[in-house]
Amino acid sequence: MGVLYQKHLALTDESSFEQFFKTNYHLACLVALRYVKSEQIADDIVQEAFVTLWQKRDELIIQTNLKSYLLNMVRNRSLNYLRDEKQMDEISEANINSDLVDDPNEDFSKEELAVHIAKAIDELPTQCKKVFELAYNERLSYNEIASTLNLSRNTIKTQMGIAYKMIRFKLSTYFLSLFSFSLLRKKK
């Protein structure tokens, strides 16, 4: 009981908290969307979670890392919303139980990967991004994309190659840092 927990740096001043918000907002929305299936409601849940974190920053005792705490808070608020709206049949008992049993550091790995993929796609050059999104979001063939954008098929192939290479590079740095962090945790 006599354990003291150090105050999380993201909760000490506004600029640190703002950075924590910017870094984790999208991921938190993806977690909420896993349950509530409405972007507006997910956004409201996430906003409320961040407001609560800030307002109760002096009272909080967080035994995990702050990001896990936030994402668990968002998940619980999403489940509470469904319960209050009598929509609990939208998620299975097994899904809830598996979320509660899993390692909290791995709970949100799919959403976090999705955020990194979306960020990598968003950072593509304009033309490359347009071609990539038509191929993957619209499921168009290279010939259809070429026709739509009034470009040659070879240009589309080249743009897709550039997109794959850039995305692979961005994700490799993410996986490398994840792998390095994993090794550091095992040494402790």
Protein backbone atom coordinates (compact mmCIF):
# COMPACT_ATOMS: atom_id res chain seq x y z
CA MET A 1 0.00 0.00 0.00
CA GLY A 2 2.94 2.32 0.60
CA VAL A 3 3.87 2.43 -3.11
CA LEU A 4 4.09 5.90 -4.59
CA TYR A 5 3.51 6.37 -8.29
CA GLN A 6 5.33 9.07 -10.16
CA LYS A 7 3.14 11.62 -11.88
CA HIS A 8 2.95 11.02 -15.62
CA LEU A 9 4.76 13.73 -17.57
CA ALA A 10 1.86 14.10 -20.01
CA LEU A 11 -0.33 15.23 -17.14
CA THR A 12 1.98 17.86 -15.69
CA ASP A 13 1.47 20.75 -18.11
CA GLU A 14 -0.77 21.75 -21.00
CA SER A 15 1.80 21.38 -23.77
CA SER A 16 2.75 17.83 -22.68
CA PHE A 17 -0.91 16.91 -22.43
CA GLU A 18 -1.60 18.41 -25.85
CA GLN A 19 1.20 16.28 -27.32
CA PHE A 20 -0.20 13.17 -25.60
CA PHE A 21 -3.62 14.05 -27.04
CA LYS A 22 -2.28 14.48 -30.58
CA THR A 23 -0.32 11.24 -30.39
CA ASN A 24 -3.14 9.07 -29.02
CA TYR A 25 -6.41 10.65 -30.17
CA HIS A 26 -6.78 8.67 -33.41
CA LEU A 27 -5.93 5.37 -31.75
CA ALA A 28 -8.42 6.05 -28.96
CA CYS A 29 -11.13 6.74 -31.56
CA LEU A 30 -10.38 3.42 -33.26
CA VAL A 31 -10.76 1.65 -29.93
CA ALA A 32 -14.13 3.31 -29.31
CA LEU A 33 -15.26 2.50 -32.87
CA ARG A 34 -14.55 -1.15 -32.19
CA TYR A 35 -17.60 -1.02 -29.90
CA VAL A 36 -19.95 1.84 -30.73
CA LYS A 37 -19.84 1.79 -34.57
CA SER A 38 -20.55 5.51 -34.81
CA GLU A 39 -17.76 8.01 -35.47
CA GLN A 40 -19.61 10.83 -33.72
CA ILE A 41 -20.28 8.79 -30.58
CA ALA A 42 -16.71 7.44 -30.59
CA ASP A 43 -15.38 10.98 -30.89
CA ASP A 44 -17.58 12.12 -27.97
CA ILE A 45 -16.39 9.21 -25.81
CA VAL A 46 -12.73 9.95 -26.56
CA GLN A 47 -13.15 13.69 -25.94
CA GLU A 48 -14.78 12.97 -22.58
CA ALA A 49 -11.98 10.56 -21.65
CA PHE A 50 -9.31 13.18 -22.37
CA VAL A 51 -11.24 15.84 -20.45
CA THR A 52 -11.55 13.50 -17.47
CA LEU A 53 -7.83 12.72 -17.59
CA TRP A 54 -6.99 16.41 -17.53
CA GLN A 55 -9.52 17.36 -14.87
CA LYS A 56 -8.53 14.54 -12.51
CA ARG A 57 -4.79 14.62 -13.25
CA ASP A 58 -3.90 15.45 -9.63
CA GLU A 59 -6.04 12.65 -8.19
CA LEU A 60 -5.13 9.82 -10.57
CA ILE A 61 -3.01 6.88 -9.52
CA ILE A 62 -2.08 5.07 -12.71
CA GLN A 63 -0.28 1.76 -12.24
CA THR A 64 0.12 1.02 -15.97
CA ASN A 65 1.38 3.39 -18.60
CA LEU A 66 -0.78 6.39 -19.38
CA LYS A 67 -1.60 5.27 -22.92
CA SER A 68 -2.93 1.89 -21.71
CA TYR A 69 -4.89 3.68 -19.02
CA LEU A 70 -6.47 6.00 -21.60
CA LEU A 71 -7.34 3.17 -24.00
CA ASN A 72 -8.85 1.08 -21.21
CA MET A 73 -10.86 4.12 -20.11
CA VAL A 74 -12.15 4.57 -23.68
CA ARG A 75 -13.05 0.88 -23.93
CA ASN A 76 -14.91 0.97 -20.60
CA ARG A 77 -16.76 4.16 -21.52
CA SER A 78 -17.75 2.60 -24.85
CA LEU A 79 -19.10 -0.48 -23.09
CA ASN A 80 -20.95 1.76 -20.61
CA TYR A 81 -22.49 3.67 -23.50
CA LEU A 82 -23.72 0.42 -25.09
CA ARG A 83 -25.08 -0.77 -21.75
CA ASP A 84 -26.86 2.52 -21.15
CA GLU A 85 -28.29 2.48 -24.67
CA LYS A 86 -29.34 -1.17 -24.25
CA GLN A 87 -27.14 -2.17 -27.18
CA MET A 88 -25.03 -4.78 -25.44
CA ASP A 89 -26.13 -7.40 -27.95
CA GLU A 90 -23.90 -5.57 -30.46
CA ILE A 91 -20.83 -7.04 -28.81
CA SER A 92 -20.43 -10.59 -27.68
CA GLU A 93 -19.68 -11.64 -24.12
CA ALA A 94 -16.59 -13.41 -25.44
CA ASN A 95 -15.28 -10.20 -26.99
CA ILE A 96 -15.66 -8.32 -23.70
CA ASN A 97 -14.07 -11.12 -21.69
CA SER A 98 -11.13 -11.55 -24.06
CA ASP A 99 -10.43 -7.82 -23.87
CA LEU A 100 -10.36 -7.96 -20.10
CA VAL A 101 -8.06 -11.00 -19.94
CA ASP A 102 -5.50 -10.04 -22.58
CA ASP A 103 -2.24 -8.32 -21.78
CA PRO A 104 -3.15 -4.60 -21.66
CA ASN A 105 -0.04 -3.78 -23.69
CA GLU A 106 -1.30 -5.97 -26.55
CA ASP A 107 -5.00 -5.05 -26.34
CA PHE A 108 -4.74 -2.30 -28.88
CA SER A 109 -1.98 -3.51 -31.20
CA LYS A 110 -4.32 -3.89 -34.20
CA GLU A 111 -5.66 -0.38 -33.81
CA GLU A 112 -2.18 1.01 -33.30
CA LEU A 113 -0.94 -0.74 -36.45
CA ALA A 114 -3.94 0.67 -38.34
CA VAL A 115 -2.98 4.17 -37.16
CA HIS A 116 0.58 3.71 -38.40
CA ILE A 117 -0.62 2.37 -41.76
CA ALA A 118 -3.04 5.29 -42.16
CA LYS A 119 -0.28 7.75 -41.23
CA ALA A 120 2.12 6.15 -43.75
CA ILE A 121 -0.54 6.38 -46.48
CA ASP A 122 -1.33 9.97 -45.52
CA GLU A 123 2.36 10.92 -45.86
CA LEU A 124 2.60 9.65 -49.45
CA PRO A 125 3.15 12.26 -52.20
CA THR A 126 -0.19 13.56 -53.53
CA GLN A 127 -0.31 11.67 -56.83
CA CYS A 128 1.02 8.50 -55.25
CA LYS A 129 -1.54 8.69 -52.45
CA LYS A 130 -4.38 9.23 -54.94
CA VAL A 131 -3.31 6.16 -56.96
CA PHE A 132 -2.86 4.03 -53.84
CA GLU A 133 -6.26 4.99 -52.40
CA LEU A 134 -8.01 4.22 -55.68
CA ALA A 135 -6.38 0.79 -55.72
CA TYR A 136 -7.16 -0.07 -52.12
CA ASN A 137 -10.20 1.93 -51.10
CA GLU A 138 -12.03 1.78 -54.40
CA ARG A 139 -10.58 -1.61 -55.44
CA LEU A 140 -9.84 -0.36 -58.95
CA SER A 141 -7.45 -2.18 -61.26
CA TYR A 142 -4.37 -0.45 -62.65
CA ASN A 143 -6.16 -0.03 -65.99
CA GLU A 144 -9.21 1.53 -64.29
CA ILE A 145 -7.00 3.89 -62.29
CA ALA A 146 -5.09 4.86 -65.42
CA SER A 147 -8.37 5.61 -67.18
CA THR A 148 -9.79 7.55 -64.21
CA LEU A 149 -6.69 9.72 -63.77
CA ASN A 150 -5.89 9.94 -67.47
CA LEU A 151 -2.44 8.42 -66.92
CA SER A 152 -0.63 5.46 -68.45
CA ARG A 153 -0.74 2.01 -66.86
CA ASN A 154 3.05 2.17 -66.42
CA THR A 155 2.72 5.41 -64.46
CA ILE A 156 0.18 3.74 -62.18
CA LYS A 157 2.53 0.75 -61.70
CA THR A 158 5.40 3.10 -60.88
CA GLN A 159 3.28 5.12 -58.41
CA MET A 160 2.11 1.91 -56.69
CA GLY A 161 5.73 0.73 -56.42
CA ILE A 162 6.69 4.02 -54.81
CA ALA A 163 3.73 3.77 -52.43
CA TYR A 164 4.60 0.21 -51.38
CA LYS A 165 8.24 1.13 -50.85
CA MET A 166 7.40 4.21 -48.74
CA ILE A 167 4.76 2.42 -46.67
CA ARG A 168 7.07 -0.56 -46.11
CA PHE A 169 9.82 1.81 -44.94
CA LYS A 170 7.50 3.69 -42.56
CA LEU A 171 6.15 0.46 -41.10
CA SER A 172 9.60 -1.11 -40.81
CA THR A 173 10.70 1.76 -38.55
CA TYR A 174 7.54 1.23 -36.46
CA PHE A 175 8.18 -2.52 -36.15
CA LEU A 176 11.86 -1.95 -35.45
CA SER A 177 11.06 0.43 -32.59
CA LEU A 178 8.40 -2.00 -31.32
CA PHE A 179 10.92 -4.86 -31.49
CA SER A 180 13.59 -2.79 -29.70
CA PHE A 181 11.11 -1.86 -26.96
CA SER A 182 10.16 -5.52 -26.59
CA LEU A 183 13.83 -6.51 -26.16
CA LEU A 184 14.36 -3.78 -23.57
CA ARG A 185 11.35 -5.01 -21.56
CA LYS A 186 12.64 -8.60 -21.57
CA LYS A 187 16.07 -7.53 -20.22
CA LYS A 188 14.54 -5.89 -17.12
